[in-house]
Structures are given as C-alpha cells and as structure tokens.
N, C-alpha and C. Protein backbone atom coordinates (compact mmCIF):
# COMPACT_ATOMS: atom_id res chain seq x y z
N MET A 1 0.28 -3.07 9.25
CA MET A 1 -0.49 -1.87 9.05
C MET A 1 0.03 -1.09 7.86
N LYS A 2 1.32 -1.13 7.63
CA LYS A 2 1.90 -0.38 6.53
C LYS A 2 1.35 -0.86 5.19
N ARG A 3 1.18 -2.17 5.05
CA ARG A 3 0.66 -2.73 3.81
C ARG A 3 -0.75 -2.20 3.52
N TYR A 4 -1.60 -2.16 4.55
CA TYR A 4 -2.96 -1.65 4.38
C TYR A 4 -2.94 -0.18 4.00
N TYR A 5 -2.07 0.57 4.65
CA TYR A 5 -1.97 2.00 4.38
C TYR A 5 -1.53 2.24 2.94
N SER A 6 -0.58 1.46 2.46
CA SER A 6 -0.10 1.62 1.08
C SER A 6 -1.21 1.32 0.09
N LYS A 7 -1.95 0.25 0.31
CA LYS A 7 -3.07 -0.09 -0.57
C LYS A 7 -4.12 1.01 -0.55
N PHE A 8 -4.43 1.49 0.65
CA PHE A 8 -5.43 2.54 0.80
C PHE A 8 -5.02 3.77 0.01
N SER A 9 -3.77 4.15 0.14
CA SER A 9 -3.27 5.34 -0.57
C SER A 9 -3.35 5.15 -2.08
N LEU A 10 -3.01 3.97 -2.57
CA LEU A 10 -3.05 3.70 -4.01
C LEU A 10 -4.47 3.75 -4.55
N VAL A 11 -5.40 3.13 -3.85
CA VAL A 11 -6.79 3.12 -4.30
C VAL A 11 -7.37 4.53 -4.26
N LEU A 12 -7.07 5.27 -3.21
CA LEU A 12 -7.55 6.64 -3.09
C LEU A 12 -6.98 7.50 -4.21
N LEU A 13 -5.71 7.33 -4.50
CA LEU A 13 -5.07 8.07 -5.57
C LEU A 13 -5.71 7.73 -6.93
N ALA A 14 -5.95 6.45 -7.16
CA ALA A 14 -6.58 6.03 -8.43
C ALA A 14 -7.96 6.66 -8.58
N ALA A 15 -8.75 6.65 -7.52
CA ALA A 15 -10.09 7.24 -7.57
C ALA A 15 -10.00 8.74 -7.83
N ALA A 16 -9.04 9.39 -7.20
CA ALA A 16 -8.89 10.84 -7.39
C ALA A 16 -8.45 11.18 -8.81
N ILE A 17 -7.70 10.29 -9.44
CA ILE A 17 -7.24 10.51 -10.82
C ILE A 17 -8.36 10.25 -11.81
N VAL A 18 -9.10 9.17 -11.61
CA VAL A 18 -10.13 8.76 -12.56
C VAL A 18 -11.38 9.62 -12.46
N LEU A 19 -11.76 10.03 -11.26
CA LEU A 19 -13.02 10.74 -11.08
C LEU A 19 -13.15 12.01 -11.91
N PRO A 20 -12.11 12.85 -12.02
CA PRO A 20 -12.31 14.06 -12.83
C PRO A 20 -12.70 13.78 -14.28
N PHE A 21 -12.31 12.62 -14.81
CA PHE A 21 -12.69 12.30 -16.18
C PHE A 21 -14.17 11.95 -16.27
N ALA A 22 -14.78 11.67 -15.14
CA ALA A 22 -16.21 11.38 -15.12
C ALA A 22 -17.01 12.61 -14.74
N SER A 23 -16.34 13.74 -14.65
CA SER A 23 -17.02 14.95 -14.19
C SER A 23 -18.07 15.42 -15.18
N VAL A 24 -18.95 16.23 -14.67
CA VAL A 24 -20.04 16.75 -15.48
C VAL A 24 -20.13 18.24 -15.29
N GLY A 25 -20.74 18.88 -16.24
CA GLY A 25 -20.99 20.31 -16.11
C GLY A 25 -22.16 20.54 -15.19
N VAL A 26 -22.50 21.79 -15.01
CA VAL A 26 -23.62 22.14 -14.16
C VAL A 26 -24.89 21.66 -14.84
N ALA A 27 -25.69 20.92 -14.10
CA ALA A 27 -26.92 20.39 -14.66
C ALA A 27 -27.97 21.49 -14.75
N ARG A 28 -28.69 21.48 -15.84
CA ARG A 28 -29.76 22.46 -16.01
C ARG A 28 -31.04 21.92 -15.39
N ALA A 29 -31.88 22.84 -14.99
CA ALA A 29 -33.19 22.44 -14.47
C ALA A 29 -34.00 21.85 -15.62
N MET A 30 -34.91 20.97 -15.29
CA MET A 30 -35.76 20.36 -16.31
C MET A 30 -36.48 21.45 -17.08
N GLU A 31 -36.40 21.37 -18.38
CA GLU A 31 -37.05 22.37 -19.21
C GLU A 31 -37.71 21.68 -20.39
N THR A 32 -38.72 22.31 -20.91
CA THR A 32 -39.40 21.79 -22.09
C THR A 32 -38.61 22.23 -23.31
N ALA A 33 -38.47 21.33 -24.25
CA ALA A 33 -37.71 21.62 -25.46
C ALA A 33 -38.42 22.67 -26.31
N THR A 34 -37.65 23.62 -26.80
CA THR A 34 -38.20 24.63 -27.71
C THR A 34 -38.24 24.04 -29.12
N GLU A 35 -38.92 24.73 -30.02
CA GLU A 35 -38.99 24.27 -31.41
C GLU A 35 -37.60 24.23 -32.04
N GLU A 36 -36.78 25.21 -31.71
CA GLU A 36 -35.41 25.24 -32.25
C GLU A 36 -34.62 24.02 -31.77
N GLN A 37 -34.75 23.68 -30.48
CA GLN A 37 -34.04 22.52 -29.93
C GLN A 37 -34.55 21.22 -30.54
N VAL A 38 -35.86 21.14 -30.73
CA VAL A 38 -36.44 19.95 -31.37
C VAL A 38 -35.88 19.81 -32.79
N GLY A 39 -35.79 20.91 -33.50
CA GLY A 39 -35.23 20.88 -34.85
C GLY A 39 -33.78 20.42 -34.85
N LYS A 40 -32.99 20.88 -33.90
CA LYS A 40 -31.59 20.46 -33.81
C LYS A 40 -31.48 18.96 -33.51
N VAL A 41 -32.36 18.47 -32.64
CA VAL A 41 -32.35 17.05 -32.31
C VAL A 41 -32.68 16.23 -33.57
N LYS A 42 -33.70 16.66 -34.32
CA LYS A 42 -34.07 15.95 -35.55
C LYS A 42 -32.93 15.96 -36.57
N ASN A 43 -32.28 17.12 -36.73
CA ASN A 43 -31.20 17.24 -37.71
C ASN A 43 -29.96 16.44 -37.33
N ARG A 44 -29.75 16.26 -36.07
CA ARG A 44 -28.54 15.55 -35.60
C ARG A 44 -28.89 14.20 -34.98
N CYS A 45 -29.97 13.63 -35.39
CA CYS A 45 -30.49 12.41 -34.78
C CYS A 45 -29.45 11.28 -34.78
N THR A 46 -28.89 10.97 -35.93
CA THR A 46 -27.93 9.87 -36.03
C THR A 46 -26.71 10.14 -35.18
N GLN A 47 -26.21 11.36 -35.23
CA GLN A 47 -25.04 11.75 -34.44
C GLN A 47 -25.34 11.65 -32.94
N LEU A 48 -26.53 12.10 -32.54
CA LEU A 48 -26.93 12.01 -31.13
C LEU A 48 -27.01 10.57 -30.65
N GLU A 49 -27.64 9.73 -31.45
CA GLU A 49 -27.76 8.32 -31.07
C GLU A 49 -26.39 7.68 -30.92
N SER A 50 -25.51 7.97 -31.87
CA SER A 50 -24.16 7.43 -31.81
C SER A 50 -23.42 7.92 -30.57
N SER A 51 -23.52 9.20 -30.29
CA SER A 51 -22.85 9.77 -29.12
C SER A 51 -23.40 9.18 -27.82
N LEU A 52 -24.71 9.03 -27.74
CA LEU A 52 -25.32 8.46 -26.54
C LEU A 52 -24.90 7.00 -26.34
N ASN A 53 -24.85 6.24 -27.42
CA ASN A 53 -24.41 4.85 -27.31
C ASN A 53 -22.95 4.76 -26.88
N GLN A 54 -22.13 5.63 -27.42
CA GLN A 54 -20.71 5.65 -27.04
C GLN A 54 -20.57 6.05 -25.57
N LEU A 55 -21.33 7.05 -25.15
CA LEU A 55 -21.31 7.48 -23.75
C LEU A 55 -21.72 6.32 -22.84
N GLU A 56 -22.75 5.61 -23.21
CA GLU A 56 -23.24 4.50 -22.39
C GLU A 56 -22.16 3.43 -22.24
N ARG A 57 -21.47 3.09 -23.32
CA ARG A 57 -20.43 2.06 -23.26
C ARG A 57 -19.25 2.50 -22.39
N SER A 58 -18.76 3.69 -22.63
CA SER A 58 -17.59 4.15 -21.87
C SER A 58 -17.95 4.46 -20.42
N ASP A 59 -19.12 5.03 -20.21
CA ASP A 59 -19.56 5.38 -18.86
C ASP A 59 -19.81 4.14 -18.00
N ALA A 60 -20.37 3.11 -18.59
CA ALA A 60 -20.66 1.89 -17.83
C ALA A 60 -19.37 1.31 -17.24
N LEU A 61 -18.34 1.23 -18.03
CA LEU A 61 -17.06 0.70 -17.56
C LEU A 61 -16.47 1.59 -16.48
N LEU A 62 -16.50 2.88 -16.71
CA LEU A 62 -15.95 3.83 -15.75
C LEU A 62 -16.72 3.77 -14.42
N ARG A 63 -18.05 3.79 -14.48
CA ARG A 63 -18.85 3.72 -13.25
C ARG A 63 -18.60 2.43 -12.51
N ASN A 64 -18.50 1.33 -13.24
CA ASN A 64 -18.24 0.04 -12.62
C ASN A 64 -16.89 0.03 -11.92
N ASN A 65 -15.86 0.52 -12.59
CA ASN A 65 -14.52 0.55 -12.00
C ASN A 65 -14.46 1.45 -10.77
N ILE A 66 -15.08 2.61 -10.84
CA ILE A 66 -15.08 3.52 -9.70
C ILE A 66 -15.86 2.89 -8.54
N GLY A 67 -17.02 2.32 -8.83
CA GLY A 67 -17.82 1.66 -7.79
C GLY A 67 -17.05 0.54 -7.13
N ASN A 68 -16.35 -0.25 -7.92
CA ASN A 68 -15.53 -1.35 -7.36
C ASN A 68 -14.39 -0.80 -6.52
N SER A 69 -13.80 0.30 -6.94
CA SER A 69 -12.72 0.92 -6.15
C SER A 69 -13.25 1.39 -4.80
N TYR A 70 -14.44 1.97 -4.80
CA TYR A 70 -15.03 2.43 -3.55
C TYR A 70 -15.32 1.26 -2.61
N LEU A 71 -15.81 0.16 -3.17
CA LEU A 71 -16.05 -1.03 -2.35
C LEU A 71 -14.74 -1.59 -1.81
N THR A 72 -13.71 -1.60 -2.63
CA THR A 72 -12.41 -2.10 -2.20
C THR A 72 -11.88 -1.28 -1.03
N ILE A 73 -12.02 0.02 -1.10
CA ILE A 73 -11.57 0.88 0.00
C ILE A 73 -12.23 0.45 1.30
N SER A 74 -13.52 0.21 1.26
CA SER A 74 -14.26 -0.17 2.46
C SER A 74 -13.95 -1.60 2.89
N GLN A 75 -14.14 -2.55 1.98
CA GLN A 75 -14.07 -3.97 2.34
C GLN A 75 -12.65 -4.50 2.52
N LYS A 76 -11.72 -3.99 1.75
CA LYS A 76 -10.36 -4.53 1.80
C LYS A 76 -9.39 -3.69 2.61
N LEU A 77 -9.77 -2.46 2.92
CA LEU A 77 -8.85 -1.59 3.64
C LEU A 77 -9.42 -1.14 4.99
N MET A 78 -10.55 -0.45 4.97
CA MET A 78 -11.09 0.10 6.21
C MET A 78 -11.49 -0.99 7.20
N VAL A 79 -12.29 -1.94 6.75
CA VAL A 79 -12.78 -2.99 7.65
C VAL A 79 -11.63 -3.81 8.24
N PRO A 80 -10.69 -4.32 7.42
CA PRO A 80 -9.58 -5.08 8.02
C PRO A 80 -8.72 -4.23 8.97
N MET A 81 -8.51 -2.97 8.63
CA MET A 81 -7.72 -2.10 9.52
C MET A 81 -8.44 -1.93 10.85
N ASN A 82 -9.73 -1.67 10.80
CA ASN A 82 -10.50 -1.50 12.03
C ASN A 82 -10.49 -2.79 12.86
N GLN A 83 -10.55 -3.94 12.20
CA GLN A 83 -10.50 -5.21 12.91
C GLN A 83 -9.15 -5.43 13.58
N ARG A 84 -8.07 -5.08 12.90
CA ARG A 84 -6.74 -5.23 13.49
C ARG A 84 -6.57 -4.30 14.68
N ILE A 85 -7.08 -3.10 14.57
CA ILE A 85 -6.99 -2.14 15.67
C ILE A 85 -7.75 -2.69 16.88
N ALA A 86 -8.95 -3.19 16.65
CA ALA A 86 -9.75 -3.75 17.74
C ALA A 86 -9.08 -4.99 18.33
N ALA A 87 -8.54 -5.85 17.48
CA ALA A 87 -7.87 -7.07 17.96
C ALA A 87 -6.67 -6.74 18.84
N ASN A 88 -6.03 -5.62 18.57
CA ASN A 88 -4.89 -5.19 19.37
C ASN A 88 -5.32 -4.32 20.55
N GLN A 89 -6.62 -4.23 20.77
CA GLN A 89 -7.21 -3.50 21.88
C GLN A 89 -6.75 -2.03 21.91
N LEU A 90 -6.75 -1.43 20.74
CA LEU A 90 -6.41 -0.02 20.61
C LEU A 90 -7.69 0.77 20.38
N ASP A 91 -7.66 2.06 20.65
CA ASP A 91 -8.84 2.90 20.49
C ASP A 91 -8.89 3.47 19.07
N GLY A 92 -9.67 2.84 18.25
CA GLY A 92 -9.85 3.29 16.87
C GLY A 92 -11.27 3.74 16.61
N GLY A 93 -11.91 4.28 17.64
CA GLY A 93 -13.32 4.67 17.54
C GLY A 93 -13.60 5.67 16.43
N LYS A 94 -12.72 6.64 16.26
CA LYS A 94 -12.92 7.65 15.21
C LYS A 94 -12.84 7.01 13.82
N LEU A 95 -11.91 6.06 13.66
CA LEU A 95 -11.78 5.36 12.38
C LEU A 95 -13.03 4.53 12.08
N VAL A 96 -13.56 3.88 13.10
CA VAL A 96 -14.78 3.09 12.92
C VAL A 96 -15.94 4.00 12.54
N GLN A 97 -16.02 5.14 13.18
CA GLN A 97 -17.09 6.11 12.89
C GLN A 97 -17.00 6.59 11.44
N ILE A 98 -15.80 6.91 10.99
CA ILE A 98 -15.63 7.38 9.60
C ILE A 98 -15.96 6.25 8.63
N SER A 99 -15.56 5.02 8.96
CA SER A 99 -15.87 3.87 8.11
C SER A 99 -17.38 3.67 7.97
N ALA A 100 -18.09 3.84 9.08
CA ALA A 100 -19.55 3.69 9.05
C ALA A 100 -20.18 4.77 8.17
N GLU A 101 -19.66 6.00 8.29
CA GLU A 101 -20.17 7.09 7.45
C GLU A 101 -19.89 6.80 5.96
N TYR A 102 -18.71 6.28 5.68
CA TYR A 102 -18.33 5.92 4.32
C TYR A 102 -19.29 4.88 3.75
N LYS A 103 -19.53 3.82 4.52
CA LYS A 103 -20.41 2.74 4.07
C LYS A 103 -21.83 3.25 3.85
N LYS A 104 -22.31 4.08 4.78
CA LYS A 104 -23.66 4.63 4.65
C LYS A 104 -23.76 5.51 3.40
N THR A 105 -22.76 6.34 3.16
CA THR A 105 -22.76 7.20 1.98
C THR A 105 -22.73 6.37 0.71
N TYR A 106 -21.93 5.31 0.71
CA TYR A 106 -21.87 4.43 -0.46
C TYR A 106 -23.25 3.81 -0.72
N ASP A 107 -23.82 3.22 0.32
CA ASP A 107 -25.10 2.49 0.16
C ASP A 107 -26.28 3.41 -0.13
N GLU A 108 -26.38 4.51 0.59
CA GLU A 108 -27.58 5.34 0.52
C GLU A 108 -27.50 6.48 -0.48
N GLU A 109 -26.29 6.83 -0.91
CA GLU A 109 -26.17 7.93 -1.86
C GLU A 109 -25.52 7.47 -3.16
N PHE A 110 -24.28 7.04 -3.09
CA PHE A 110 -23.57 6.70 -4.32
C PHE A 110 -24.28 5.60 -5.10
N TYR A 111 -24.58 4.48 -4.45
CA TYR A 111 -25.17 3.36 -5.16
C TYR A 111 -26.56 3.71 -5.70
N VAL A 112 -27.35 4.44 -4.91
CA VAL A 112 -28.69 4.85 -5.36
C VAL A 112 -28.57 5.76 -6.57
N ASN A 113 -27.66 6.74 -6.49
CA ASN A 113 -27.46 7.65 -7.62
C ASN A 113 -26.90 6.93 -8.84
N TYR A 114 -26.04 5.96 -8.60
CA TYR A 114 -25.47 5.13 -9.66
C TYR A 114 -26.60 4.43 -10.43
N LYS A 115 -27.49 3.77 -9.68
CA LYS A 115 -28.60 3.05 -10.32
C LYS A 115 -29.57 4.01 -11.02
N ASN A 116 -29.87 5.14 -10.39
CA ASN A 116 -30.78 6.12 -11.00
C ASN A 116 -30.23 6.65 -12.32
N TYR A 117 -28.93 6.94 -12.33
CA TYR A 117 -28.30 7.42 -13.56
C TYR A 117 -28.32 6.33 -14.63
N GLU A 118 -27.99 5.12 -14.25
CA GLU A 118 -27.97 4.01 -15.20
C GLU A 118 -29.36 3.81 -15.82
N ILE A 119 -30.39 3.84 -15.00
CA ILE A 119 -31.77 3.67 -15.49
C ILE A 119 -32.15 4.83 -16.41
N SER A 120 -31.82 6.05 -16.00
CA SER A 120 -32.15 7.22 -16.80
C SER A 120 -31.44 7.18 -18.16
N LEU A 121 -30.17 6.83 -18.17
CA LEU A 121 -29.42 6.73 -19.42
C LEU A 121 -30.01 5.64 -20.32
N ASN A 122 -30.33 4.49 -19.75
CA ASN A 122 -30.93 3.41 -20.54
C ASN A 122 -32.29 3.81 -21.11
N ASN A 123 -33.09 4.52 -20.33
CA ASN A 123 -34.38 5.00 -20.83
C ASN A 123 -34.19 6.02 -21.96
N THR A 124 -33.17 6.87 -21.83
CA THR A 124 -32.87 7.85 -22.88
C THR A 124 -32.49 7.14 -24.17
N LEU A 125 -31.71 6.08 -24.05
CA LEU A 125 -31.27 5.33 -25.24
C LEU A 125 -32.43 4.67 -25.98
N LYS A 126 -33.52 4.42 -25.29
CA LYS A 126 -34.69 3.75 -25.90
C LYS A 126 -35.57 4.71 -26.71
N ILE A 127 -35.36 6.00 -26.55
CA ILE A 127 -36.21 7.00 -27.22
C ILE A 127 -35.77 7.15 -28.67
N ASN A 128 -36.73 7.10 -29.57
CA ASN A 128 -36.48 7.29 -31.00
C ASN A 128 -36.41 8.79 -31.27
N CYS A 129 -35.22 9.26 -31.66
CA CYS A 129 -35.04 10.71 -31.80
C CYS A 129 -35.78 11.29 -33.00
N LYS A 130 -36.06 10.50 -34.00
CA LYS A 130 -36.80 11.01 -35.16
C LYS A 130 -38.28 11.17 -34.83
N ASN A 131 -38.83 10.22 -34.06
CA ASN A 131 -40.25 10.26 -33.73
C ASN A 131 -40.55 11.06 -32.47
N GLU A 132 -39.59 11.15 -31.55
CA GLU A 132 -39.83 11.81 -30.27
C GLU A 132 -38.65 12.73 -29.89
N PRO A 133 -38.36 13.72 -30.71
CA PRO A 133 -37.19 14.58 -30.43
C PRO A 133 -37.33 15.40 -29.15
N ALA A 134 -38.52 15.88 -28.85
CA ALA A 134 -38.71 16.66 -27.62
C ALA A 134 -38.50 15.78 -26.39
N GLU A 135 -39.02 14.56 -26.45
CA GLU A 135 -38.85 13.63 -25.33
C GLU A 135 -37.37 13.29 -25.14
N LEU A 136 -36.65 13.13 -26.24
CA LEU A 136 -35.23 12.83 -26.15
C LEU A 136 -34.49 14.00 -25.49
N PHE A 137 -34.77 15.21 -25.93
CA PHE A 137 -34.13 16.38 -25.36
C PHE A 137 -34.37 16.44 -23.85
N GLU A 138 -35.62 16.26 -23.43
CA GLU A 138 -35.97 16.32 -22.02
C GLU A 138 -35.35 15.17 -21.23
N SER A 139 -35.27 14.00 -21.85
CA SER A 139 -34.65 12.85 -21.19
C SER A 139 -33.15 13.06 -21.01
N ILE A 140 -32.52 13.67 -22.00
CA ILE A 140 -31.08 13.97 -21.88
C ILE A 140 -30.86 14.95 -20.72
N ALA A 141 -31.72 15.95 -20.60
CA ALA A 141 -31.60 16.92 -19.50
C ALA A 141 -31.78 16.22 -18.15
N ALA A 142 -32.75 15.32 -18.07
CA ALA A 142 -32.98 14.58 -16.82
C ALA A 142 -31.80 13.67 -16.50
N THR A 143 -31.25 13.03 -17.52
CA THR A 143 -30.10 12.14 -17.34
C THR A 143 -28.87 12.94 -16.90
N ARG A 144 -28.72 14.13 -17.46
CA ARG A 144 -27.61 15.00 -17.06
C ARG A 144 -27.73 15.33 -15.57
N GLU A 145 -28.93 15.57 -15.11
CA GLU A 145 -29.15 15.86 -13.68
C GLU A 145 -28.78 14.65 -12.82
N LYS A 146 -29.17 13.46 -13.27
CA LYS A 146 -28.83 12.23 -12.52
C LYS A 146 -27.31 12.03 -12.49
N ARG A 147 -26.66 12.34 -13.57
CA ARG A 147 -25.20 12.20 -13.61
C ARG A 147 -24.54 13.20 -12.66
N SER A 148 -25.08 14.38 -12.57
CA SER A 148 -24.56 15.38 -11.65
C SER A 148 -24.72 14.90 -10.20
N GLU A 149 -25.84 14.30 -9.88
CA GLU A 149 -26.06 13.75 -8.54
C GLU A 149 -25.07 12.63 -8.24
N LEU A 150 -24.80 11.79 -9.23
CA LEU A 150 -23.82 10.71 -9.08
C LEU A 150 -22.44 11.30 -8.82
N TYR A 151 -22.08 12.31 -9.57
CA TYR A 151 -20.79 12.97 -9.40
C TYR A 151 -20.66 13.55 -7.98
N ASP A 152 -21.72 14.21 -7.50
CA ASP A 152 -21.69 14.81 -6.16
C ASP A 152 -21.49 13.73 -5.09
N SER A 153 -22.19 12.61 -5.21
CA SER A 153 -22.03 11.55 -4.21
C SER A 153 -20.65 10.92 -4.31
N SER A 154 -20.10 10.86 -5.49
CA SER A 154 -18.75 10.34 -5.67
C SER A 154 -17.73 11.26 -4.99
N ARG A 155 -17.89 12.55 -5.16
CA ARG A 155 -17.00 13.51 -4.48
C ARG A 155 -17.10 13.37 -2.97
N LYS A 156 -18.31 13.14 -2.47
CA LYS A 156 -18.51 12.98 -1.03
C LYS A 156 -17.78 11.75 -0.50
N ILE A 157 -17.85 10.66 -1.25
CA ILE A 157 -17.15 9.43 -0.84
C ILE A 157 -15.64 9.68 -0.80
N ILE A 158 -15.12 10.36 -1.79
CA ILE A 158 -13.68 10.65 -1.81
C ILE A 158 -13.29 11.51 -0.61
N THR A 159 -14.12 12.47 -0.27
CA THR A 159 -13.85 13.33 0.88
C THR A 159 -13.80 12.50 2.17
N ILE A 160 -14.73 11.58 2.32
CA ILE A 160 -14.75 10.72 3.51
C ILE A 160 -13.52 9.81 3.53
N ALA A 161 -13.14 9.28 2.39
CA ALA A 161 -11.95 8.43 2.32
C ALA A 161 -10.70 9.21 2.71
N LYS A 162 -10.62 10.45 2.27
CA LYS A 162 -9.48 11.30 2.65
C LYS A 162 -9.49 11.57 4.15
N GLU A 163 -10.68 11.76 4.70
CA GLU A 163 -10.81 11.97 6.14
C GLU A 163 -10.31 10.74 6.91
N TYR A 164 -10.68 9.55 6.42
CA TYR A 164 -10.21 8.31 7.05
C TYR A 164 -8.69 8.24 6.97
N ASN A 165 -8.14 8.55 5.83
CA ASN A 165 -6.69 8.53 5.64
C ASN A 165 -6.00 9.48 6.63
N SER A 166 -6.53 10.67 6.75
CA SER A 166 -5.97 11.65 7.67
C SER A 166 -6.06 11.17 9.12
N GLU A 167 -7.20 10.63 9.48
CA GLU A 167 -7.38 10.12 10.84
C GLU A 167 -6.47 8.93 11.10
N TYR A 168 -6.27 8.09 10.10
CA TYR A 168 -5.36 6.96 10.24
C TYR A 168 -3.93 7.45 10.51
N LYS A 169 -3.50 8.48 9.81
CA LYS A 169 -2.16 9.03 10.03
C LYS A 169 -2.02 9.53 11.47
N LYS A 170 -3.04 10.22 11.98
CA LYS A 170 -3.01 10.68 13.37
C LYS A 170 -2.94 9.49 14.33
N PHE A 171 -3.77 8.49 14.06
CA PHE A 171 -3.81 7.30 14.89
C PHE A 171 -2.44 6.62 14.90
N LYS A 172 -1.86 6.47 13.75
CA LYS A 172 -0.56 5.81 13.62
C LYS A 172 0.51 6.58 14.40
N THR A 173 0.50 7.89 14.29
CA THR A 173 1.46 8.73 15.02
C THR A 173 1.30 8.54 16.53
N GLU A 174 0.07 8.52 17.02
CA GLU A 174 -0.20 8.34 18.45
C GLU A 174 0.27 6.97 18.92
N VAL A 175 0.01 5.94 18.15
CA VAL A 175 0.40 4.58 18.53
C VAL A 175 1.92 4.47 18.59
N LEU A 176 2.59 5.06 17.63
CA LEU A 176 4.05 5.02 17.62
C LEU A 176 4.64 5.78 18.81
N LYS A 177 4.03 6.90 19.20
CA LYS A 177 4.50 7.66 20.37
C LYS A 177 4.33 6.83 21.65
N GLU A 178 3.20 6.15 21.75
CA GLU A 178 2.92 5.34 22.94
C GLU A 178 3.82 4.13 23.04
N SER A 179 4.25 3.60 21.92
CA SER A 179 5.05 2.38 21.94
C SER A 179 6.53 2.63 22.27
N ARG A 180 6.93 3.87 22.32
CA ARG A 180 8.35 4.20 22.61
C ARG A 180 8.64 4.15 24.05
C-alpha cells in the first residue's frame, strides 16, 4: 500500500505544480468586435498568428501530459488500491465512491472540455486574420471561454484527487489501529 500511496502523492504533486502554468484569466462573455479591435487585429495579424500557433504547440503538450496524469491517478493508483482493499475484505466504500466521482468528472467534464477547447483552438487557427479580423477576435474570445471551462474541470479533478488522498490517509490510520 505504501508504494501506491507514494506514487499517488507524486502524481498529485506534479499535477498541482503543472496546472497553475495552464491557468487562464477570467473569460469574457462573447462580444462582437468593435472597429478599434478589428483594426488592432489587422495591424498585428502576423504577430497574432505566430502567438496562436505557439500557444497551440505548447498547450497541446501540456494538455496531453495533464490528461495522462489524471488517467494515471485513476487507472494506476485508485483502481489498484480499491482492488487490494476489496481483496483483503476491508471496507473501502468511501474510497470507491470518490474514485467513481473522479472517473465521472474526468469522462463527463474534463475530457469533454478538453476536446471542446482543442476544437475551438483549431478552428481559431484556421481563420485568416487579414480577411476575417472580426471573426478571429470573436473566435479567440470563444476559445478563451473554452479554456476557462477546461481549467475549471481540471481544478475539480485535483480537488477530488486530494479528497481521495485524505480519505486514504484516514483509511490507513483506521486499518493500522485495528491491526494492533
């Protein structure tokens, strides 16, 4: 059990360290681009395209690594721990419940938001900023909103993982008391 706990702690720590670098500001509500904003997009077209391409490259790797870390927490730590607890005929019901919530949040929130953000960013990259500056501005705003949703679901997963960790510590303490 100690080996699983150590791995769990390391993965959780890594996710907590990496996630803030993927943070986003407060997303703005969808708005129509003003003439001034359209002018700024046209004037900075090359710079915007370069920045968006760089964001896509760095973000893709970061999202992939974070997503894989979240899967590892579930598949390599929570599930095997719950199986060992059950095999030893111990009461790990709360841990199983938290694991199920974690998996559901990953599947129904994080992964969905991950794909929505990826699609939105890719669609933004396809817009020609010289010919469609207003559309680019609006697409960037929509993509920013999708990124904010992804960030929120990521924070939720980390919170659930911390809850599992806390519950595991309680469980471990109880088992050690009973075994004396």
